[in-house]
Amino acid sequence: MTSFIGSRRTLIPYIFLLPAVVILAVGLIVPLFTALRLSFYEWSMGTPLDSARYVGLAAYERLAGDAAVGESLGVTLRFGFWVILVEMALGILLALILERPIRGAGLFRTIFVLPLMVSPVVVGLIWRYLFDARSGLINYYLEQIGEALPFLQQFGFTTQLWLADRNQAFTSIIITDIWQWTPFVFIIILAGLQAVSSDITEAAHIDGANWLQMTLFVKLPMIRAIILITLLLRLVDVFRALEVVFILTFGGPGRSTELLSLHIYKTAFTSQQLGYASAISTLLIGVIFVLSLGILVFSNPLKERAG
């Protein structure tokens, strides 16, 4: 009787979790299965689904030799490398600065979090106006500084064609993403730092550790799992980025800022090639899976956190 009651108590948490797990599984598996199935068909939006023509692996054969997909994937990987590198560095630095009880820390934390509250479409519009070559505030202040200090003009303090030049357009979407998502890293890392036991930091301080040693050898190693989880979340978000780039550049000039997610959108809704777009989506899912698996194999943050 006792063992029966114990087994029931063990099952109760799983019973309560079951509805949420079923909903999440259906929400994930059904779209994935639908996209995978559609990738074997040739179908245009606006026509009956029954009219879809089975083409087998033709979409994947085309994908293997599609230079546009390769270029978009390269842009996405370069974009992801720079934004994740800068956002992680800035987010950790800001969290380390504002974890201490300094005057105005609450105000600064609120200001840093504001970009997260803004819709991605609004973020794209704001920065599109800021980067405008004729009336944007960024060019205005660059001109003012360049006129006040003429020697700085050779370093770019003059009017720039931010969204019309390939390199500057790529830099523009990086700056925008950093402004929008650094607060996300900041919030999570700050929460992790504040969870570090004061007994440990006090012991390190008594042993003579300065701020840099405390940070590098005590605090950051203790929140290593949180840092890796944050990195994993930002990695997934980078491959889902669409709205801001859509508003800012629509992938231009040329394909210099065409992320893979935007290329999928154009293929599906501009070119009306839903089957081929599904095949590219499968590639995107595969890339995310491989990169995420690499992080988990290198160091499993979930296992460390559980331990």
C-alpha atoms as a PDB file:
ATOM      1  CA  MET A   1       0.000   0.000   0.000  1.00  0.00           C
ATOM      2  CA  THR A   2       2.822   2.374   0.909  1.00  0.00           C
ATOM      3  CA  SER A   3       4.667   1.675  -2.344  1.00  0.00           C
ATOM      4  CA  PHE A   4       1.463   2.296  -4.322  1.00  0.00           C
ATOM      5  CA  ILE A   5       0.958   5.706  -2.647  1.00  0.00           C
ATOM      6  CA  GLY A   6       4.631   6.525  -3.246  1.00  0.00           C
ATOM      7  CA  SER A   7       4.365   5.665  -6.933  1.00  0.00           C
ATOM      8  CA  ARG A   8       1.260   7.855  -7.262  1.00  0.00           C
ATOM      9  CA  ARG A   9       3.086  10.781  -5.691  1.00  0.00           C
ATOM     10  CA  THR A  10       5.946  10.235  -8.104  1.00  0.00           C
ATOM     11  CA  LEU A  11       3.574  10.334 -11.090  1.00  0.00           C
ATOM     12  CA  ILE A  12       1.652  13.442 -10.004  1.00  0.00           C
ATOM     13  CA  PRO A  13       4.222  15.993 -11.329  1.00  0.00           C
ATOM     14  CA  TYR A  14       4.322  14.209 -14.690  1.00  0.00           C
ATOM     15  CA  ILE A  15       0.518  14.177 -14.888  1.00  0.00           C
ATOM     16  CA  PHE A  16       0.398  17.950 -14.397  1.00  0.00           C
ATOM     17  CA  LEU A  17       3.165  18.455 -16.980  1.00  0.00           C
ATOM     18  CA  LEU A  18       1.574  16.161 -19.573  1.00  0.00           C
ATOM     19  CA  PRO A  19      -0.901  18.706 -21.122  1.00  0.00           C
ATOM     20  CA  ALA A  20       1.839  21.300 -21.615  1.00  0.00           C
ATOM     21  CA  VAL A  21       4.212  18.709 -23.067  1.00  0.00           C
ATOM     22  CA  VAL A  22       1.529  17.465 -25.496  1.00  0.00           C
ATOM     23  CA  ILE A  23       0.711  21.015 -26.640  1.00  0.00           C
ATOM     24  CA  LEU A  24       4.384  21.862 -27.152  1.00  0.00           C
ATOM     25  CA  ALA A  25       5.020  18.583 -28.979  1.00  0.00           C
ATOM     26  CA  VAL A  26       2.089  19.148 -31.335  1.00  0.00           C
ATOM     27  CA  GLY A  27       3.117  22.766 -31.883  1.00  0.00           C
ATOM     28  CA  LEU A  28       6.647  21.695 -32.808  1.00  0.00           C
ATOM     29  CA  ILE A  29       6.246  18.361 -34.546  1.00  0.00           C
ATOM     30  CA  VAL A  30       3.248  19.158 -36.761  1.00  0.00           C
ATOM     31  CA  PRO A  31       4.810  22.270 -38.412  1.00  0.00           C
ATOM     32  CA  LEU A  32       8.137  20.468 -38.841  1.00  0.00           C
ATOM     33  CA  PHE A  33       6.473  17.452 -40.420  1.00  0.00           C
ATOM     34  CA  THR A  34       4.338  19.678 -42.672  1.00  0.00           C
ATOM     35  CA  ALA A  35       7.365  21.656 -43.876  1.00  0.00           C
ATOM     36  CA  LEU A  36       9.369  18.494 -44.490  1.00  0.00           C
ATOM     37  CA  ARG A  37       6.480  16.931 -46.441  1.00  0.00           C
ATOM     38  CA  LEU A  38       5.925  20.093 -48.484  1.00  0.00           C
ATOM     39  CA  SER A  39       9.599  20.154 -49.500  1.00  0.00           C
ATOM     40  CA  PHE A  40       8.937  17.095 -51.689  1.00  0.00           C
ATOM     41  CA  TYR A  41       6.224  18.922 -53.635  1.00  0.00           C
ATOM     42  CA  GLU A  42       6.035  21.827 -56.046  1.00  0.00           C
ATOM     43  CA  TRP A  43       3.216  24.113 -54.951  1.00  0.00           C
ATOM     44  CA  SER A  44       2.384  27.807 -55.276  1.00  0.00           C
ATOM     45  CA  MET A  45       0.268  29.727 -52.810  1.00  0.00           C
ATOM     46  CA  GLY A  46      -3.231  30.494 -54.072  1.00  0.00           C
ATOM     47  CA  THR A  47      -3.644  27.155 -55.812  1.00  0.00           C
ATOM     48  CA  PRO A  48      -5.433  24.137 -54.262  1.00  0.00           C
ATOM     49  CA  LEU A  49      -3.178  21.934 -52.174  1.00  0.00           C
ATOM     50  CA  ASP A  50      -4.407  18.962 -54.202  1.00  0.00           C
ATOM     51  CA  SER A  51      -2.725  20.484 -57.235  1.00  0.00           C
ATOM     52  CA  ALA A  52       0.728  20.194 -55.637  1.00  0.00           C
ATOM     53  CA  ARG A  53       3.022  18.115 -57.848  1.00  0.00           C
ATOM     54  CA  TYR A  54       5.300  15.537 -56.248  1.00  0.00           C
ATOM     55  CA  VAL A  55       8.921  16.186 -57.279  1.00  0.00           C
ATOM     56  CA  GLY A  56      10.789  13.995 -54.801  1.00  0.00           C
ATOM     57  CA  LEU A  57      14.291  15.247 -53.959  1.00  0.00           C
ATOM     58  CA  ALA A  58      14.375  17.822 -56.766  1.00  0.00           C
ATOM     59  CA  ALA A  59      14.209  20.733 -54.307  1.00  0.00           C
ATOM     60  CA  TYR A  60      17.198  19.382 -52.364  1.00  0.00           C
ATOM     61  CA  GLU A  61      19.168  18.807 -55.564  1.00  0.00           C
ATOM     62  CA  ARG A  62      18.480  22.400 -56.538  1.00  0.00           C
ATOM     63  CA  LEU A  63      19.417  23.518 -53.027  1.00  0.00           C
ATOM     64  CA  ALA A  64      22.831  21.864 -53.273  1.00  0.00           C
ATOM     65  CA  GLY A  65      23.790  24.043 -56.234  1.00  0.00           C
ATOM     66  CA  ASP A  66      21.964  27.267 -55.362  1.00  0.00           C
ATOM     67  CA  ALA A  67      24.549  30.050 -54.981  1.00  0.00           C
ATOM     68  CA  ALA A  68      21.937  32.435 -53.546  1.00  0.00           C
ATOM     69  CA  VAL A  69      21.253  30.086 -50.621  1.00  0.00           C
ATOM     70  CA  GLY A  70      24.972  29.657 -49.978  1.00  0.00           C
ATOM     71  CA  GLU A  71      25.472  33.420 -50.005  1.00  0.00           C
ATOM     72  CA  SER A  72      22.544  33.994 -47.631  1.00  0.00           C
ATOM     73  CA  LEU A  73      23.861  31.293 -45.294  1.00  0.00           C
ATOM     74  CA  GLY A  74      27.286  32.957 -45.311  1.00  0.00           C
ATOM     75  CA  VAL A  75      25.748  36.347 -44.502  1.00  0.00           C
ATOM     76  CA  THR A  76      23.770  34.764 -41.657  1.00  0.00           C
ATOM     77  CA  LEU A  77      26.853  33.091 -40.160  1.00  0.00           C
ATOM     78  CA  ARG A  78      28.918  36.305 -40.343  1.00  0.00           C
ATOM     79  CA  PHE A  79      26.046  38.318 -38.895  1.00  0.00           C
ATOM     80  CA  GLY A  80      25.567  35.794 -36.087  1.00  0.00           C
ATOM     81  CA  PHE A  81      29.280  35.704 -35.245  1.00  0.00           C
ATOM     82  CA  TRP A  82      29.595  39.472 -34.808  1.00  0.00           C
ATOM     83  CA  VAL A  83      26.311  40.168 -33.025  1.00  0.00           C
ATOM     84  CA  ILE A  84      26.718  37.273 -30.576  1.00  0.00           C
ATOM     85  CA  LEU A  85      30.347  38.196 -29.867  1.00  0.00           C
ATOM     86  CA  VAL A  86      29.577  41.861 -29.176  1.00  0.00           C
ATOM     87  CA  GLU A  87      26.279  41.263 -27.371  1.00  0.00           C
ATOM     88  CA  MET A  88      27.765  38.676 -25.027  1.00  0.00           C
ATOM     89  CA  ALA A  89      30.774  40.887 -24.253  1.00  0.00           C
ATOM     90  CA  LEU A  90      28.688  44.038 -23.704  1.00  0.00           C
ATOM     91  CA  GLY A  91      25.948  42.235 -21.779  1.00  0.00           C
ATOM     92  CA  ILE A  92      28.427  40.598 -19.388  1.00  0.00           C
ATOM     93  CA  LEU A  93      30.356  43.859 -18.927  1.00  0.00           C
ATOM     94  CA  LEU A  94      27.212  45.865 -18.151  1.00  0.00           C
ATOM     95  CA  ALA A  95      25.981  43.179 -15.750  1.00  0.00           C
ATOM     96  CA  LEU A  96      29.315  43.223 -13.905  1.00  0.00           C
ATOM     97  CA  ILE A  97      29.197  47.008 -13.616  1.00  0.00           C
ATOM     98  CA  LEU A  98      25.582  47.278 -12.502  1.00  0.00           C
ATOM     99  CA  GLU A  99      25.510  44.338 -10.111  1.00  0.00           C
ATOM    100  CA  ARG A 100      27.212  46.507  -7.520  1.00  0.00           C
ATOM    101  CA  PRO A 101      25.130  48.918  -5.428  1.00  0.00           C
ATOM    102  CA  ILE A 102      25.984  52.171  -7.206  1.00  0.00           C
ATOM    103  CA  ARG A 103      23.907  55.328  -7.302  1.00  0.00           C
ATOM    104  CA  GLY A 104      21.344  55.287 -10.113  1.00  0.00           C
ATOM    105  CA  ALA A 105      21.806  51.568 -10.859  1.00  0.00           C
ATOM    106  CA  GLY A 106      18.034  51.019 -10.933  1.00  0.00           C
ATOM    107  CA  LEU A 107      17.580  53.805 -13.492  1.00  0.00           C
ATOM    108  CA  PHE A 108      20.368  52.479 -15.687  1.00  0.00           C
ATOM    109  CA  ARG A 109      18.925  48.958 -15.577  1.00  0.00           C
ATOM    110  CA  THR A 110      15.523  50.276 -16.674  1.00  0.00           C
ATOM    111  CA  ILE A 111      17.062  52.237 -19.556  1.00  0.00           C
ATOM    112  CA  PHE A 112      19.055  49.227 -20.751  1.00  0.00           C
ATOM    113  CA  VAL A 113      15.938  47.034 -20.783  1.00  0.00           C
ATOM    114  CA  LEU A 114      13.811  49.456 -22.865  1.00  0.00           C
ATOM    115  CA  PRO A 115      14.933  48.136 -26.316  1.00  0.00           C
ATOM    116  CA  LEU A 116      13.498  44.720 -25.437  1.00  0.00           C
ATOM    117  CA  MET A 117      10.067  46.275 -24.970  1.00  0.00           C
ATOM    118  CA  VAL A 118       9.978  47.722 -28.490  1.00  0.00           C
ATOM    119  CA  SER A 119       8.400  45.732 -31.333  1.00  0.00           C
ATOM    120  CA  PRO A 120      10.947  44.500 -33.922  1.00  0.00           C
ATOM    121  CA  VAL A 121       9.044  46.340 -36.675  1.00  0.00           C
ATOM    122  CA  VAL A 122       9.282  49.589 -34.698  1.00  0.00           C
ATOM    123  CA  VAL A 123      12.992  48.931 -34.087  1.00  0.00           C
ATOM    124  CA  GLY A 124      13.496  48.562 -37.834  1.00  0.00           C
ATOM    125  CA  LEU A 125      11.643  51.817 -38.572  1.00  0.00           C
ATOM    126  CA  ILE A 126      13.521  53.751 -35.869  1.00  0.00           C
ATOM    127  CA  TRP A 127      16.915  52.719 -37.155  1.00  0.00           C
ATOM    128  CA  ARG A 128      15.894  53.148 -40.788  1.00  0.00           C
ATOM    129  CA  TYR A 129      15.218  56.816 -40.052  1.00  0.00           C
ATOM    130  CA  LEU A 130      18.405  57.125 -38.003  1.00  0.00           C
ATOM    131  CA  PHE A 131      20.490  55.678 -40.859  1.00  0.00           C
ATOM    132  CA  ASP A 132      18.790  57.792 -43.548  1.00  0.00           C
ATOM    133  CA  ALA A 133      21.517  59.383 -45.707  1.00  0.00           C
ATOM    134  CA  ARG A 134      19.763  62.755 -46.069  1.00  0.00           C
ATOM    135  CA  SER A 135      17.861  63.368 -42.850  1.00  0.00           C
ATOM    136  CA  GLY A 136      19.125  60.753 -40.402  1.00  0.00           C
ATOM    137  CA  LEU A 137      20.432  61.855 -37.024  1.00  0.00           C
ATOM    138  CA  ILE A 138      23.531  59.668 -37.304  1.00  0.00           C
ATOM    139  CA  ASN A 139      24.765  61.467 -40.425  1.00  0.00           C
ATOM    140  CA  TYR A 140      23.778  64.818 -38.897  1.00  0.00           C
ATOM    141  CA  TYR A 141      26.008  64.318 -35.859  1.00  0.00           C
ATOM    142  CA  LEU A 142      28.813  62.828 -37.961  1.00  0.00           C
ATOM    143  CA  GLU A 143      28.764  65.995 -40.089  1.00  0.00           C
ATOM    144  CA  GLN A 144      28.724  68.241 -37.016  1.00  0.00           C
ATOM    145  CA  ILE A 145      31.725  66.477 -35.493  1.00  0.00           C
ATOM    146  CA  GLY A 146      33.535  66.422 -38.843  1.00  0.00           C
ATOM    147  CA  GLU A 147      33.022  70.187 -39.316  1.00  0.00           C
ATOM    148  CA  ALA A 148      34.173  70.937 -35.768  1.00  0.00           C
ATOM    149  CA  LEU A 149      37.216  68.663 -36.068  1.00  0.00           C
ATOM    150  CA  PRO A 150      38.095  68.449 -39.801  1.00  0.00           C
ATOM    151  CA  PHE A 151      40.916  65.923 -39.270  1.00  0.00           C
ATOM    152  CA  LEU A 152      38.271  63.355 -38.235  1.00  0.00           C
ATOM    153  CA  GLN A 153      36.655  63.431 -41.692  1.00  0.00           C
ATOM    154  CA  GLN A 154      39.276  61.012 -42.971  1.00  0.00           C
ATOM    155  CA  PHE A 155      38.030  58.543 -40.333  1.00  0.00           C
ATOM    156  CA  GLY A 156      34.454  58.607 -41.618  1.00  0.00           C
ATOM    157  CA  PHE A 157      33.009  61.593 -39.755  1.00  0.00           C
ATOM    158  CA  THR A 158      31.039  62.777 -42.763  1.00  0.00           C
ATOM    159  CA  THR A 159      27.866  61.805 -44.610  1.00  0.00           C
ATOM    160  CA  GLN A 160      27.639  58.032 -45.081  1.00  0.00           C
ATOM    161  CA  LEU A 161      25.376  55.975 -47.334  1.00  0.00           C
ATOM    162  CA  TRP A 162      24.525  53.579 -44.539  1.00  0.00           C
ATOM    163  CA  LEU A 163      21.819  51.541 -46.254  1.00  0.00           C
ATOM    164  CA  ALA A 164      23.044  51.956 -49.842  1.00  0.00           C
ATOM    165  CA  ASP A 165      26.575  50.603 -49.425  1.00  0.00           C
ATOM    166  CA  ARG A 166      27.089  46.843 -49.064  1.00  0.00           C
ATOM    167  CA  ASN A 167      29.556  46.976 -46.168  1.00  0.00           C
ATOM    168  CA  GLN A 168      27.824  49.803 -44.331  1.00  0.00           C
ATOM    169  CA  ALA A 169      24.412  48.163 -44.717  1.00  0.00           C
ATOM    170  CA  PHE A 170      25.802  44.989 -43.141  1.00  0.00           C
ATOM    171  CA  THR A 171      27.300  47.078 -40.323  1.00  0.00           C
ATOM    172  CA  SER A 172      23.932  48.808 -39.887  1.00  0.00           C
ATOM    173  CA  ILE A 173      21.993  45.605 -39.244  1.00  0.00           C
ATOM    174  CA  ILE A 174      24.682  44.496 -36.792  1.00  0.00           C
ATOM    175  CA  ILE A 175      24.438  47.776 -34.851  1.00  0.00           C
ATOM    176  CA  THR A 176      20.657  47.535 -34.777  1.00  0.00           C
ATOM    177  CA  ASP A 177      20.659  43.966 -33.497  1.00  0.00           C
ATOM    178  CA  ILE A 178      23.234  44.809 -30.827  1.00  0.00           C
ATOM    179  CA  TRP A 179      21.088  47.718 -29.624  1.00  0.00           C
ATOM    180  CA  GLN A 180      17.985  45.526 -29.479  1.00  0.00           C
ATOM    181  CA  TRP A 181      19.344  42.317 -27.936  1.00  0.00           C
ATOM    182  CA  THR A 182      22.242  43.282 -25.658  1.00  0.00           C
ATOM    183  CA  PRO A 183      19.688  43.996 -22.871  1.00  0.00           C
ATOM    184  CA  PHE A 184      18.543  40.370 -23.120  1.00  0.00           C
ATOM    185  CA  VAL A 185      22.052  39.145 -22.347  1.00  0.00           C
ATOM    186  CA  PHE A 186      22.422  41.813 -19.657  1.00  0.00           C
ATOM    187  CA  ILE A 187      19.265  40.758 -17.783  1.00  0.00           C
ATOM    188  CA  ILE A 188      20.087  37.042 -17.711  1.00  0.00           C
ATOM    189  CA  ILE A 189      23.742  37.503 -16.734  1.00  0.00           C
ATOM    190  CA  LEU A 190      22.796  40.057 -14.053  1.00  0.00           C
ATOM    191  CA  ALA A 191      20.320  37.598 -12.551  1.00  0.00           C
ATOM    192  CA  GLY A 192      23.016  34.926 -12.533  1.00  0.00           C
ATOM    193  CA  LEU A 193      25.567  37.201 -10.864  1.00  0.00           C
ATOM    194  CA  GLN A 194      23.115  38.220  -8.155  1.00  0.00           C
ATOM    195  CA  ALA A 195      22.495  34.541  -7.408  1.00  0.00           C
ATOM    196  CA  VAL A 196      26.176  33.944  -6.603  1.00  0.00           C
ATOM    197  CA  SER A 197      26.547  33.375  -2.868  1.00  0.00           C
ATOM    198  CA  SER A 198      28.042  36.328  -1.020  1.00  0.00           C
ATOM    199  CA  ASP A 199      29.930  33.883   1.218  1.00  0.00           C
ATOM    200  CA  ILE A 200      32.030  32.774  -1.741  1.00  0.00           C
ATOM    201  CA  THR A 201      32.842  36.295  -2.902  1.00  0.00           C
ATOM    202  CA  GLU A 202      33.665  37.389   0.643  1.00  0.00           C
ATOM    203  CA  ALA A 203      35.996  34.420   1.051  1.00  0.00           C
ATOM    204  CA  ALA A 204      37.758  35.334  -2.204  1.00  0.00           C
ATOM    205  CA  HIS A 205      38.034  38.944  -1.061  1.00  0.00           C
ATOM    206  CA  ILE A 206      39.572  37.871   2.253  1.00  0.00           C
ATOM    207  CA  ASP A 207      42.081  35.765   0.305  1.00  0.00           C
ATOM    208  CA  GLY A 208      43.184  38.965  -1.434  1.00  0.00           C
ATOM    209  CA  ALA A 209      41.429  38.686  -4.804  1.00  0.00           C
ATOM    210  CA  ASN A 210      40.956  42.007  -6.593  1.00  0.00           C
ATOM    211  CA  TRP A 211      37.961  42.877  -8.821  1.00  0.00           C
ATOM    212  CA  LEU A 212      39.477  41.397 -11.981  1.00  0.00           C
ATOM    213  CA  GLN A 213      40.517  38.173 -10.269  1.00  0.00           C
ATOM    214  CA  MET A 214      37.125  37.932  -8.564  1.00  0.00           C
ATOM    215  CA  THR A 215      35.417  38.299 -11.937  1.00  0.00           C
ATOM    216  CA  LEU A 216      37.582  35.936 -13.991  1.00  0.00           C
ATOM    217  CA  PHE A 217      38.183  33.172 -11.454  1.00  0.00           C
ATOM    218  CA  VAL A 218      35.139  33.271  -9.179  1.00  0.00           C
ATOM    219  CA  LYS A 219      32.011  34.920 -10.587  1.00  0.00           C
ATOM    220  CA  LEU A 220      32.139  34.030 -14.285  1.00  0.00           C
ATOM    221  CA  PRO A 221      33.094  30.357 -13.707  1.00  0.00           C
ATOM    222  CA  MET A 222      30.195  30.039 -11.256  1.00  0.00           C
ATOM    223  CA  ILE A 223      27.674  31.287 -13.839  1.00  0.00           C
ATOM    224  CA  ARG A 224      29.287  29.427 -16.747  1.00  0.00           C
ATOM    225  CA  ALA A 225      26.134  27.366 -17.320  1.00  0.00           C
ATOM    226  CA  ILE A 226      23.992  30.524 -17.483  1.00  0.00           C
ATOM    227  CA  ILE A 227      26.392  32.121 -19.959  1.00  0.00           C
ATOM    228  CA  LEU A 228      26.228  29.072 -22.229  1.00  0.00           C
ATOM    229  CA  ILE A 229      22.421  28.941 -22.061  1.00  0.00           C
ATOM    230  CA  THR A 230      22.298  32.637 -22.995  1.00  0.00           C
ATOM    231  CA  LEU A 231      24.682  31.970 -25.885  1.00  0.00           C
ATOM    232  CA  LEU A 232      22.472  29.114 -27.082  1.00  0.00           C
ATOM    233  CA  LEU A 233      19.326  31.256 -26.933  1.00  0.00           C
ATOM    234  CA  ARG A 234      20.955  34.087 -28.881  1.00  0.00           C
ATOM    235  CA  LEU A 235      22.267  31.610 -31.467  1.00  0.00           C
ATOM    236  CA  VAL A 236      18.738  30.384 -32.144  1.00  0.00           C
ATOM    237  CA  ASP A 237      17.364  33.948 -32.220  1.00  0.00           C
ATOM    238  CA  VAL A 238      19.978  35.058 -34.782  1.00  0.00           C
ATOM    239  CA  PHE A 239      18.765  32.459 -37.280  1.00  0.00           C
ATOM    240  CA  ARG A 240      15.168  33.597 -36.717  1.00  0.00           C
ATOM    241  CA  ALA A 241      15.953  37.287 -37.292  1.00  0.00           C
ATOM    242  CA  LEU A 242      13.688  38.679 -40.001  1.00  0.00           C
ATOM    243  CA  GLU A 243      11.555  41.725 -39.186  1.00  0.00           C
ATOM    244  CA  VAL A 244      14.315  44.273 -38.504  1.00  0.00           C
ATOM    245  CA  VAL A 245      16.338  43.352 -41.608  1.00  0.00           C
ATOM    246  CA  PHE A 246      13.131  43.253 -43.676  1.00  0.00           C
ATOM    247  CA  ILE A 247      12.343  46.859 -42.675  1.00  0.00           C
ATOM    248  CA  LEU A 248      15.910  48.182 -42.821  1.00  0.00           C
ATOM    249  CA  THR A 249      17.304  46.825 -46.085  1.00  0.00           C
ATOM    250  CA  PHE A 250      15.069  43.997 -47.402  1.00  0.00           C
ATOM    251  CA  GLY A 251      18.305  42.103 -47.927  1.00  0.00           C
ATOM    252  CA  GLY A 252      20.011  44.741 -50.045  1.00  0.00           C
ATOM    253  CA  PRO A 253      22.075  46.166 -51.551  1.00  0.00           C
ATOM    254  CA  GLY A 254      22.239  43.033 -53.655  1.00  0.00           C
ATOM    255  CA  ARG A 255      22.256  40.178 -51.158  1.00  0.00           C
ATOM    256  CA  SER A 256      24.718  41.796 -48.738  1.00  0.00           C
ATOM    257  CA  THR A 257      22.229  41.714 -45.841  1.00  0.00           C
ATOM    258  CA  GLU A 258      19.955  38.886 -46.971  1.00  0.00           C
ATOM    259  CA  LEU A 259      19.801  36.534 -44.009  1.00  0.00           C
ATOM    260  CA  LEU A 260      18.688  32.977 -44.687  1.00  0.00           C
ATOM    261  CA  SER A 261      15.339  33.587 -42.965  1.00  0.00           C
ATOM    262  CA  LEU A 262      14.702  36.544 -45.296  1.00  0.00           C
ATOM    263  CA  HIS A 263      15.701  34.454 -48.317  1.00  0.00           C
ATOM    264  CA  ILE A 264      13.152  31.834 -47.245  1.00  0.00           C
ATOM    265  CA  TYR A 265      10.497  34.544 -46.958  1.00  0.00           C
ATOM    266  CA  LYS A 266      11.264  35.869 -50.453  1.00  0.00           C
ATOM    267  CA  THR A 267      11.256  32.378 -51.940  1.00  0.00           C
ATOM    268  CA  ALA A 268       7.927  31.500 -50.329  1.00  0.00           C
ATOM    269  CA  PHE A 269       5.931  34.720 -50.621  1.00  0.00           C
ATOM    270  CA  THR A 270       7.599  36.713 -53.411  1.00  0.00           C
ATOM    271  CA  SER A 271       8.551  33.885 -55.783  1.00  0.00           C
ATOM    272  CA  GLN A 272       5.623  31.687 -54.646  1.00  0.00           C
ATOM    273  CA  GLN A 273       7.857  28.586 -54.423  1.00  0.00           C
ATOM    274  CA  LEU A 274       6.589  27.110 -51.181  1.00  0.00           C
ATOM    275  CA  GLY A 275       8.042  23.652 -51.760  1.00  0.00           C
ATOM    276  CA  TYR A 276      11.546  24.987 -52.348  1.00  0.00           C
ATOM    277  CA  ALA A 277      11.189  27.412 -49.417  1.00  0.00           C
ATOM    278  CA  SER A 278      10.332  24.424 -47.210  1.00  0.00           C
ATOM    279  CA  ALA A 279      13.512  22.683 -48.356  1.00  0.00           C
ATOM    280  CA  ILE A 280      15.570  25.755 -47.415  1.00  0.00           C
ATOM    281  CA  SER A 281      13.768  25.840 -44.060  1.00  0.00           C
ATOM    282  CA  THR A 282      14.857  22.254 -43.491  1.00  0.00           C
ATOM    283  CA  LEU A 283      18.448  23.348 -44.149  1.00  0.00           C
ATOM    284  CA  LEU A 284      18.034  26.196 -41.642  1.00  0.00           C
ATOM    285  CA  ILE A 285      16.721  23.825 -38.980  1.00  0.00           C
ATOM    286  CA  GLY A 286      19.644  21.496 -39.652  1.00  0.00           C
ATOM    287  CA  VAL A 287      22.208  24.293 -39.261  1.00  0.00           C
ATOM    288  CA  ILE A 288      20.642  25.434 -35.981  1.00  0.00           C
ATOM    289  CA  PHE A 289      20.584  21.834 -34.735  1.00  0.00           C
ATOM    290  CA  VAL A 290      24.256  21.234 -35.575  1.00  0.00           C
ATOM    291  CA  LEU A 291      25.444  24.493 -33.978  1.00  0.00           C
ATOM    292  CA  SER A 292      23.297  23.959 -30.869  1.00  0.00           C
ATOM    293  CA  LEU A 293      24.506  20.360 -30.579  1.00  0.00           C
ATOM    294  CA  GLY A 294      28.082  21.603 -30.833  1.00  0.00           C
ATOM    295  CA  ILE A 295      27.553  23.931 -27.867  1.00  0.00           C
ATOM    296  CA  LEU A 296      25.886  21.191 -25.827  1.00  0.00           C
ATOM    297  CA  VAL A 297      28.624  18.676 -26.624  1.00  0.00           C
ATOM    298  CA  PHE A 298      31.344  21.191 -25.799  1.00  0.00           C
ATOM    299  CA  SER A 299      29.735  21.938 -22.459  1.00  0.00           C
ATOM    300  CA  ASN A 300      26.240  20.885 -21.467  1.00  0.00           C
ATOM    301  CA  PRO A 301      24.884  23.879 -19.483  1.00  0.00           C
ATOM    302  CA  LEU A 302      21.643  22.117 -18.570  1.00  0.00           C
ATOM    303  CA  LYS A 303      23.532  19.184 -17.058  1.00  0.00           C
ATOM    304  CA  GLU A 304      25.856  21.524 -15.161  1.00  0.00           C
ATOM    305  CA  ARG A 305      22.925  23.545 -13.872  1.00  0.00           C
ATOM    306  CA  ALA A 306      21.151  20.385 -12.695  1.00  0.00           C
ATOM    307  CA  GLY A 307      24.301  19.248 -10.964  1.00  0.00           C
END
